[in-house]
Amino acid sequence: MTPSGIRQDASSVTLRDHVAHSVRRYLSDLAGCDTDDLYTTTLRELEIPLFSEVLKHCDGNQSRAATLLGIHRATLRKKLKEYGLQ
C-alpha cells in the first residue's frame, strides 16, 4: 500500500473503488430525483463509521485516533460531538 492507503495491486479492490460503487448506487437509488447537499451527506456518511472504527482501533484514545487520522484532536472532538459519537 502507498502512504495514502491506496493499493497499487490492480487485482485488489481499493477504498476508492468501494466509495465510487456506493456513490453510484446511491445516485441510482435517487431514481432521477436530485439531492441538494450530496457533498455534506457523503462526508457525514463516511466520517461517522471512519471515526467509530478508528476510535475502536485506538481503544478510545482520541489523541492517538486524531494522529492516525491526520487531524488535530480538537477537530476530532468537535466532529465526535457533532455526530453524537462521544
PDB file of N, CA and C in Angstrom:
ATOM      1  N   MET A   1       0.833  -1.189   0.000  1.00  0.00           N
ATOM      2  CA  MET A   1       0.000   0.000   0.000  1.00  0.00           C
ATOM      3  C   MET A   1       0.871   1.243   0.000  1.00  0.00           C
ATOM      4  N   THR A   2       0.377   2.280  -0.609  1.00  0.00           N
ATOM      5  CA  THR A   2       1.067   3.557  -0.592  1.00  0.00           C
ATOM      6  C   THR A   2       0.745   4.258   0.716  1.00  0.00           C
ATOM      7  N   PRO A   3       1.468   5.328   1.056  1.00  0.00           N
ATOM      8  CA  PRO A   3       1.147   6.054   2.287  1.00  0.00           C
ATOM      9  C   PRO A   3      -0.290   6.557   2.334  1.00  0.00           C
ATOM     10  N   SER A   4      -0.896   6.811   1.182  1.00  0.00           N
ATOM     11  CA  SER A   4      -2.277   7.288   1.159  1.00  0.00           C
ATOM     12  C   SER A   4      -3.277   6.164   1.360  1.00  0.00           C
ATOM     13  N   GLY A   5      -2.794   4.925   1.452  1.00  0.00           N
ATOM     14  CA  GLY A   5      -3.684   3.798   1.687  1.00  0.00           C
ATOM     15  C   GLY A   5      -4.300   3.226   0.431  1.00  0.00           C
ATOM     16  N   ILE A   6      -3.858   3.687  -0.730  1.00  0.00           N
ATOM     17  CA  ILE A   6      -4.395   3.188  -1.987  1.00  0.00           C
ATOM     18  C   ILE A   6      -3.498   2.064  -2.473  1.00  0.00           C
ATOM     19  N   ARG A   7      -4.070   0.910  -2.668  1.00  0.00           N
ATOM     20  CA  ARG A   7      -3.296  -0.245  -3.104  1.00  0.00           C
ATOM     21  C   ARG A   7      -2.847  -0.071  -4.548  1.00  0.00           C
ATOM     22  N   GLN A   8      -1.643  -0.505  -4.818  1.00  0.00           N
ATOM     23  CA  GLN A   8      -1.098  -0.441  -6.170  1.00  0.00           C
ATOM     24  C   GLN A   8      -1.504  -1.659  -6.990  1.00  0.00           C
ATOM     25  N   ASP A   9      -1.842  -2.740  -6.337  1.00  0.00           N
ATOM     26  CA  ASP A   9      -2.181  -4.004  -6.974  1.00  0.00           C
ATOM     27  C   ASP A   9      -3.520  -3.876  -7.699  1.00  0.00           C
ATOM     28  N   ALA A  10      -3.516  -4.041  -9.014  1.00  0.00           N
ATOM     29  CA  ALA A  10      -4.724  -3.836  -9.822  1.00  0.00           C
ATOM     30  C   ALA A  10      -5.803  -4.869  -9.551  1.00  0.00           C
ATOM     31  N   SER A  11      -5.441  -6.028  -9.009  1.00  0.00           N
ATOM     32  CA  SER A  11      -6.435  -7.076  -8.785  1.00  0.00           C
ATOM     33  C   SER A  11      -7.212  -6.881  -7.487  1.00  0.00           C
ATOM     34  N   SER A  12      -6.778  -5.974  -6.631  1.00  0.00           N
ATOM     35  CA  SER A  12      -7.480  -5.758  -5.364  1.00  0.00           C
ATOM     36  C   SER A  12      -8.419  -4.564  -5.480  1.00  0.00           C
ATOM     37  N   VAL A  13      -9.455  -4.583  -4.681  1.00  0.00           N
ATOM     38  CA  VAL A  13     -10.423  -3.501  -4.677  1.00  0.00           C
ATOM     39  C   VAL A  13      -9.978  -2.467  -3.646  1.00  0.00           C
ATOM     40  N   THR A  14      -9.895  -1.221  -4.066  1.00  0.00           N
ATOM     41  CA  THR A  14      -9.440  -0.153  -3.181  1.00  0.00           C
ATOM     42  C   THR A  14     -10.616   0.500  -2.461  1.00  0.00           C
ATOM     43  N   LEU A  15     -10.302   1.256  -1.449  1.00  0.00           N
ATOM     44  CA  LEU A  15     -11.323   2.037  -0.753  1.00  0.00           C
ATOM     45  C   LEU A  15     -12.009   2.975  -1.739  1.00  0.00           C
ATOM     46  N   ARG A  16     -11.235   3.564  -2.615  1.00  0.00           N
ATOM     47  CA  ARG A  16     -11.794   4.463  -3.635  1.00  0.00           C
ATOM     48  C   ARG A  16     -12.826   3.728  -4.490  1.00  0.00           C
ATOM     49  N   ASP A  17     -12.534   2.480  -4.855  1.00  0.00           N
ATOM     50  CA  ASP A  17     -13.481   1.681  -5.637  1.00  0.00           C
ATOM     51  C   ASP A  17     -14.783   1.462  -4.871  1.00  0.00           C
ATOM     52  N   HIS A  18     -14.660   1.146  -3.590  1.00  0.00           N
ATOM     53  CA  HIS A  18     -15.851   0.936  -2.760  1.00  0.00           C
ATOM     54  C   HIS A  18     -16.683   2.210  -2.661  1.00  0.00           C
ATOM     55  N   VAL A  19     -16.021   3.337  -2.468  1.00  0.00           N
ATOM     56  CA  VAL A  19     -16.731   4.615  -2.366  1.00  0.00           C
ATOM     57  C   VAL A  19     -17.426   4.931  -3.688  1.00  0.00           C
ATOM     58  N   ALA A  20     -16.718   4.768  -4.793  1.00  0.00           N
ATOM     59  CA  ALA A  20     -17.313   5.044  -6.108  1.00  0.00           C
ATOM     60  C   ALA A  20     -18.544   4.170  -6.342  1.00  0.00           C
ATOM     61  N   HIS A  21     -18.441   2.894  -6.000  1.00  0.00           N
ATOM     62  CA  HIS A  21     -19.578   1.977  -6.152  1.00  0.00           C
ATOM     63  C   HIS A  21     -20.757   2.438  -5.293  1.00  0.00           C
ATOM     64  N   SER A  22     -20.479   2.820  -4.064  1.00  0.00           N
ATOM     65  CA  SER A  22     -21.547   3.260  -3.159  1.00  0.00           C
ATOM     66  C   SER A  22     -22.203   4.546  -3.650  1.00  0.00           C
ATOM     67  N   VAL A  23     -21.415   5.474  -4.167  1.00  0.00           N
ATOM     68  CA  VAL A  23     -21.978   6.724  -4.688  1.00  0.00           C
ATOM     69  C   VAL A  23     -22.851   6.436  -5.905  1.00  0.00           C
ATOM     70  N   ARG A  24     -22.372   5.582  -6.802  1.00  0.00           N
ATOM     71  CA  ARG A  24     -23.187   5.214  -7.975  1.00  0.00           C
ATOM     72  C   ARG A  24     -24.508   4.588  -7.545  1.00  0.00           C
ATOM     73  N   ARG A  25     -24.450   3.687  -6.577  1.00  0.00           N
ATOM     74  CA  ARG A  25     -25.663   3.024  -6.091  1.00  0.00           C
ATOM     75  C   ARG A  25     -26.611   4.039  -5.449  1.00  0.00           C
ATOM     76  N   TYR A  26     -26.070   4.958  -4.651  1.00  0.00           N
ATOM     77  CA  TYR A  26     -26.891   5.980  -4.001  1.00  0.00           C
ATOM     78  C   TYR A  26     -27.581   6.852  -5.049  1.00  0.00           C
ATOM     79  N   LEU A  27     -26.816   7.293  -6.050  1.00  0.00           N
ATOM     80  CA  LEU A  27     -27.400   8.130  -7.103  1.00  0.00           C
ATOM     81  C   LEU A  27     -28.462   7.363  -7.879  1.00  0.00           C
ATOM     82  N   SER A  28     -28.239   6.101  -8.102  1.00  0.00           N
ATOM     83  CA  SER A  28     -29.231   5.267  -8.783  1.00  0.00           C
ATOM     84  C   SER A  28     -30.501   5.145  -7.946  1.00  0.00           C
ATOM     85  N   ASP A  29     -30.319   5.010  -6.638  1.00  0.00           N
ATOM     86  CA  ASP A  29     -31.467   4.886  -5.737  1.00  0.00           C
ATOM     87  C   ASP A  29     -32.300   6.166  -5.675  1.00  0.00           C
ATOM     88  N   LEU A  30     -31.710   7.297  -6.050  1.00  0.00           N
ATOM     89  CA  LEU A  30     -32.465   8.550  -6.058  1.00  0.00           C
ATOM     90  C   LEU A  30     -33.526   8.546  -7.149  1.00  0.00           C
ATOM     91  N   ALA A  31     -33.396   7.628  -8.093  1.00  0.00           N
ATOM     92  CA  ALA A  31     -34.386   7.432  -9.164  1.00  0.00           C
ATOM     93  C   ALA A  31     -34.725   8.738  -9.883  1.00  0.00           C
ATOM     94  N   GLY A  32     -33.704   9.480 -10.273  1.00  0.00           N
ATOM     95  CA  GLY A  32     -33.932  10.701 -11.038  1.00  0.00           C
ATOM     96  C   GLY A  32     -34.142  11.946 -10.207  1.00  0.00           C
ATOM     97  N   CYS A  33     -34.361  11.798  -8.925  1.00  0.00           N
ATOM     98  CA  CYS A  33     -34.521  12.959  -8.052  1.00  0.00           C
ATOM     99  C   CYS A  33     -33.137  13.476  -7.669  1.00  0.00           C
ATOM    100  N   ASP A  34     -33.012  14.766  -7.552  1.00  0.00           N
ATOM    101  CA  ASP A  34     -31.736  15.345  -7.152  1.00  0.00           C
ATOM    102  C   ASP A  34     -31.728  15.603  -5.658  1.00  0.00           C
ATOM    103  N   THR A  35     -30.523  15.605  -5.105  1.00  0.00           N
ATOM    104  CA  THR A  35     -30.343  15.971  -3.713  1.00  0.00           C
ATOM    105  C   THR A  35     -29.674  17.333  -3.694  1.00  0.00           C
ATOM    106  N   ASP A  36     -29.947  18.129  -2.684  1.00  0.00           N
ATOM    107  CA  ASP A  36     -29.388  19.478  -2.658  1.00  0.00           C
ATOM    108  C   ASP A  36     -28.106  19.584  -1.841  1.00  0.00           C
ATOM    109  N   ASP A  37     -27.667  18.487  -1.226  1.00  0.00           N
ATOM    110  CA  ASP A  37     -26.486  18.572  -0.376  1.00  0.00           C
ATOM    111  C   ASP A  37     -25.721  17.251  -0.357  1.00  0.00           C
ATOM    112  N   LEU A  38     -25.423  16.735  -1.523  1.00  0.00           N
ATOM    113  CA  LEU A  38     -24.752  15.441  -1.638  1.00  0.00           C
ATOM    114  C   LEU A  38     -23.387  15.447  -0.966  1.00  0.00           C
ATOM    115  N   TYR A  39     -22.650  16.533  -1.097  1.00  0.00           N
ATOM    116  CA  TYR A  39     -21.307  16.611  -0.517  1.00  0.00           C
ATOM    117  C   TYR A  39     -21.353  16.444   1.002  1.00  0.00           C
ATOM    118  N   THR A  40     -22.188  17.211   1.678  1.00  0.00           N
ATOM    119  CA  THR A  40     -22.292  17.138   3.138  1.00  0.00           C
ATOM    120  C   THR A  40     -22.814  15.778   3.578  1.00  0.00           C
ATOM    121  N   THR A  41     -23.813  15.264   2.882  1.00  0.00           N
ATOM    122  CA  THR A  41     -24.362  13.950   3.204  1.00  0.00           C
ATOM    123  C   THR A  41     -23.296  12.871   3.067  1.00  0.00           C
ATOM    124  N   THR A  42     -22.530  12.930   1.992  1.00  0.00           N
ATOM    125  CA  THR A  42     -21.483  11.937   1.753  1.00  0.00           C
ATOM    126  C   THR A  42     -20.402  12.008   2.820  1.00  0.00           C
ATOM    127  N   LEU A  43     -19.953  13.215   3.151  1.00  0.00           N
ATOM    128  CA  LEU A  43     -18.937  13.355   4.199  1.00  0.00           C
ATOM    129  C   LEU A  43     -19.424  12.785   5.522  1.00  0.00           C
ATOM    130  N   ARG A  44     -20.647  13.098   5.873  1.00  0.00           N
ATOM    131  CA  ARG A  44     -21.207  12.603   7.134  1.00  0.00           C
ATOM    132  C   ARG A  44     -21.265  11.073   7.131  1.00  0.00           C
ATOM    133  N   GLU A  45     -21.754  10.510   6.043  1.00  0.00           N
ATOM    134  CA  GLU A  45     -21.884   9.058   5.956  1.00  0.00           C
ATOM    135  C   GLU A  45     -20.536   8.354   5.955  1.00  0.00           C
ATOM    136  N   LEU A  46     -19.498   9.032   5.520  1.00  0.00           N
ATOM    137  CA  LEU A  46     -18.156   8.460   5.544  1.00  0.00           C
ATOM    138  C   LEU A  46     -17.486   8.679   6.898  1.00  0.00           C
ATOM    139  N   GLU A  47     -17.615   9.891   7.434  1.00  0.00           N
ATOM    140  CA  GLU A  47     -16.915  10.222   8.676  1.00  0.00           C
ATOM    141  C   GLU A  47     -17.425   9.443   9.885  1.00  0.00           C
ATOM    142  N   ILE A  48     -18.703   9.223   9.983  1.00  0.00           N
ATOM    143  CA  ILE A  48     -19.242   8.541  11.164  1.00  0.00           C
ATOM    144  C   ILE A  48     -18.626   7.149  11.335  1.00  0.00           C
ATOM    145  N   PRO A  49     -18.692   6.262  10.336  1.00  0.00           N
ATOM    146  CA  PRO A  49     -18.050   4.953  10.535  1.00  0.00           C
ATOM    147  C   PRO A  49     -16.528   5.047  10.586  1.00  0.00           C
ATOM    148  N   LEU A  50     -15.940   5.998   9.868  1.00  0.00           N
ATOM    149  CA  LEU A  50     -14.487   6.168   9.906  1.00  0.00           C
ATOM    150  C   LEU A  50     -14.030   6.492  11.320  1.00  0.00           C
ATOM    151  N   PHE A  51     -14.656   7.481  11.940  1.00  0.00           N
ATOM    152  CA  PHE A  51     -14.271   7.867  13.296  1.00  0.00           C
ATOM    153  C   PHE A  51     -14.549   6.745  14.290  1.00  0.00           C
ATOM    154  N   SER A  52     -15.687   6.087  14.154  1.00  0.00           N
ATOM    155  CA  SER A  52     -16.030   4.990  15.066  1.00  0.00           C
ATOM    156  C   SER A  52     -15.004   3.870  14.998  1.00  0.00           C
ATOM    157  N   GLU A  53     -14.659   3.458  13.798  1.00  0.00           N
ATOM    158  CA  GLU A  53     -13.720   2.346  13.631  1.00  0.00           C
ATOM    159  C   GLU A  53     -12.306   2.716  14.061  1.00  0.00           C
ATOM    160  N   VAL A  54     -11.878   3.932  13.755  1.00  0.00           N
ATOM    161  CA  VAL A  54     -10.537   4.355  14.171  1.00  0.00           C
ATOM    162  C   VAL A  54     -10.470   4.455  15.691  1.00  0.00           C
ATOM    163  N   LEU A  55     -11.516   4.966  16.321  1.00  0.00           N
ATOM    164  CA  LEU A  55     -11.531   5.031  17.788  1.00  0.00           C
ATOM    165  C   LEU A  55     -11.488   3.634  18.402  1.00  0.00           C
ATOM    166  N   LYS A  56     -12.216   2.699  17.838  1.00  0.00           N
ATOM    167  CA  LYS A  56     -12.152   1.313  18.331  1.00  0.00           C
ATOM    168  C   LYS A  56     -10.738   0.774  18.185  1.00  0.00           C
ATOM    169  N   HIS A  57     -10.144   1.015  17.031  1.00  0.00           N
ATOM    170  CA  HIS A  57      -8.778   0.553  16.762  1.00  0.00           C
ATOM    171  C   HIS A  57      -7.791   1.142  17.774  1.00  0.00           C
ATOM    172  N   CYS A  58      -8.054   2.367  18.213  1.00  0.00           N
ATOM    173  CA  CYS A  58      -7.171   3.068  19.153  1.00  0.00           C
ATOM    174  C   CYS A  58      -7.645   2.919  20.596  1.00  0.00           C
ATOM    175  N   ASP A  59      -8.532   1.969  20.854  1.00  0.00           N
ATOM    176  CA  ASP A  59      -9.065   1.716  22.198  1.00  0.00           C
ATOM    177  C   ASP A  59      -9.629   2.978  22.850  1.00  0.00           C
ATOM    178  N   GLY A  60     -10.283   3.813  22.050  1.00  0.00           N
ATOM    179  CA  GLY A  60     -10.927   5.013  22.567  1.00  0.00           C
ATOM    180  C   GLY A  60     -10.001   6.190  22.803  1.00  0.00           C
ATOM    181  N   ASN A  61      -8.724   6.037  22.526  1.00  0.00           N
ATOM    182  CA  ASN A  61      -7.758   7.114  22.746  1.00  0.00           C
ATOM    183  C   ASN A  61      -7.893   8.144  21.624  1.00  0.00           C
ATOM    184  N   GLN A  62      -8.492   9.289  21.960  1.00  0.00           N
ATOM    185  CA  GLN A  62      -8.765  10.308  20.954  1.00  0.00           C
ATOM    186  C   GLN A  62      -7.497  10.944  20.393  1.00  0.00           C
ATOM    187  N   SER A  63      -6.487  11.116  21.217  1.00  0.00           N
ATOM    188  CA  SER A  63      -5.229  11.696  20.724  1.00  0.00           C
ATOM    189  C   SER A  63      -4.593  10.783  19.682  1.00  0.00           C
ATOM    190  N   ARG A  64      -4.563   9.505  19.990  1.00  0.00           N
ATOM    191  CA  ARG A  64      -3.994   8.528  19.053  1.00  0.00           C
ATOM    192  C   ARG A  64      -4.835   8.445  17.778  1.00  0.00           C
ATOM    193  N   ALA A  65      -6.162   8.463  17.938  1.00  0.00           N
ATOM    194  CA  ALA A  65      -7.059   8.404  16.781  1.00  0.00           C
ATOM    195  C   ALA A  65      -6.862   9.627  15.886  1.00  0.00           C
ATOM    196  N   ALA A  66      -6.760  10.799  16.489  1.00  0.00           N
ATOM    197  CA  ALA A  66      -6.553  12.026  15.714  1.00  0.00           C
ATOM    198  C   ALA A  66      -5.238  11.962  14.946  1.00  0.00           C
ATOM    199  N   THR A  67      -4.203  11.453  15.594  1.00  0.00           N
ATOM    200  CA  THR A  67      -2.907  11.311  14.926  1.00  0.00           C
ATOM    201  C   THR A  67      -3.016  10.354  13.750  1.00  0.00           C
ATOM    202  N   LEU A  68      -3.677   9.234  13.953  1.00  0.00           N
ATOM    203  CA  LEU A  68      -3.859   8.252  12.887  1.00  0.00           C
ATOM    204  C   LEU A  68      -4.648   8.849  11.714  1.00  0.00           C
ATOM    205  N   LEU A  69      -5.649   9.660  12.034  1.00  0.00           N
ATOM    206  CA  LEU A  69      -6.474  10.295  11.009  1.00  0.00           C
ATOM    207  C   LEU A  69      -5.768  11.470  10.331  1.00  0.00           C
ATOM    208  N   GLY A  70      -4.742  12.008  10.994  1.00  0.00           N
ATOM    209  CA  GLY A  70      -4.036  13.162  10.443  1.00  0.00           C
ATOM    210  C   GLY A  70      -4.768  14.469  10.662  1.00  0.00           C
ATOM    211  N   ILE A  71      -5.565  14.519  11.748  1.00  0.00           N
ATOM    212  CA  ILE A  71      -6.283  15.748  12.089  1.00  0.00           C
ATOM    213  C   ILE A  71      -5.954  16.129  13.527  1.00  0.00           C
ATOM    214  N   HIS A  72      -6.236  17.368  13.883  1.00  0.00           N
ATOM    215  CA  HIS A  72      -5.998  17.841  15.243  1.00  0.00           C
ATOM    216  C   HIS A  72      -7.021  17.195  16.182  1.00  0.00           C
ATOM    217  N   ARG A  73      -6.611  16.926  17.405  1.00  0.00           N
ATOM    218  CA  ARG A  73      -7.503  16.297  18.381  1.00  0.00           C
ATOM    219  C   ARG A  73      -8.761  17.134  18.608  1.00  0.00           C
ATOM    220  N   ALA A  74      -8.624  18.457  18.619  1.00  0.00           N
ATOM    221  CA  ALA A  74      -9.794  19.325  18.811  1.00  0.00           C
ATOM    222  C   ALA A  74     -10.791  19.161  17.661  1.00  0.00           C
ATOM    223  N   THR A  75     -10.285  18.969  16.461  1.00  0.00           N
ATOM    224  CA  THR A  75     -11.159  18.746  15.302  1.00  0.00           C
ATOM    225  C   THR A  75     -11.906  17.433  15.453  1.00  0.00           C
ATOM    226  N   LEU A  76     -11.200  16.404  15.884  1.00  0.00           N
ATOM    227  CA  LEU A  76     -11.847  15.110  16.106  1.00  0.00           C
ATOM    228  C   LEU A  76     -12.922  15.232  17.174  1.00  0.00           C
ATOM    229  N   ARG A  77     -12.599  15.875  18.279  1.00  0.00           N
ATOM    230  CA  ARG A  77     -13.580  16.039  19.363  1.00  0.00           C
ATOM    231  C   ARG A  77     -14.815  16.795  18.881  1.00  0.00           C
ATOM    232  N   LYS A  78     -14.608  17.845  18.086  1.00  0.00           N
ATOM    233  CA  LYS A  78     -15.722  18.627  17.545  1.00  0.00           C
ATOM    234  C   LYS A  78     -16.610  17.752  16.658  1.00  0.00           C
ATOM    235  N   LYS A  79     -15.986  16.956  15.801  1.00  0.00           N
ATOM    236  CA  LYS A  79     -16.741  16.074  14.907  1.00  0.00           C
ATOM    237  C   LYS A  79     -17.485  14.991  15.692  1.00  0.00           C
ATOM    238  N   LEU A  80     -16.835  14.431  16.707  1.00  0.00           N
ATOM    239  CA  LEU A  80     -17.489  13.409  17.529  1.00  0.00           C
ATOM    240  C   LEU A  80     -18.726  13.984  18.208  1.00  0.00           C
ATOM    241  N   LYS A  81     -18.605  15.201  18.709  1.00  0.00           N
ATOM    242  CA  LYS A  81     -19.748  15.857  19.355  1.00  0.00           C
ATOM    243  C   LYS A  81     -20.849  16.124  18.326  1.00  0.00           C
ATOM    244  N   GLU A  82     -20.453  16.633  17.166  1.00  0.00           N
ATOM    245  CA  GLU A  82     -21.404  16.936  16.096  1.00  0.00           C
ATOM    246  C   GLU A  82     -22.199  15.697  15.677  1.00  0.00           C
ATOM    247  N   TYR A  83     -21.537  14.541  15.642  1.00  0.00           N
ATOM    248  CA  TYR A  83     -22.172  13.305  15.212  1.00  0.00           C
ATOM    249  C   TYR A  83     -22.741  12.484  16.368  1.00  0.00           C
ATOM    250  N   GLY A  84     -22.627  12.987  17.588  1.00  0.00           N
ATOM    251  CA  GLY A  84     -23.151  12.257  18.739  1.00  0.00           C
ATOM    252  C   GLY A  84     -22.382  10.987  19.040  1.00  0.00           C
ATOM    253  N   LEU A  85     -21.076  11.007  18.807  1.00  0.00           N
ATOM    254  CA  LEU A  85     -20.239   9.821  18.997  1.00  0.00           C
ATOM    255  C   LEU A  85     -19.356   9.911  20.233  1.00  0.00           C
ATOM    256  N   GLN A  86     -19.674  10.760  21.146  1.00  0.00           N
ATOM    257  CA  GLN A  86     -18.818  10.972  22.320  1.00  0.00           C
ATOM    258  C   GLN A  86     -18.773   9.778  23.219  1.00  0.00           C
TER     259      GLN A  86
END
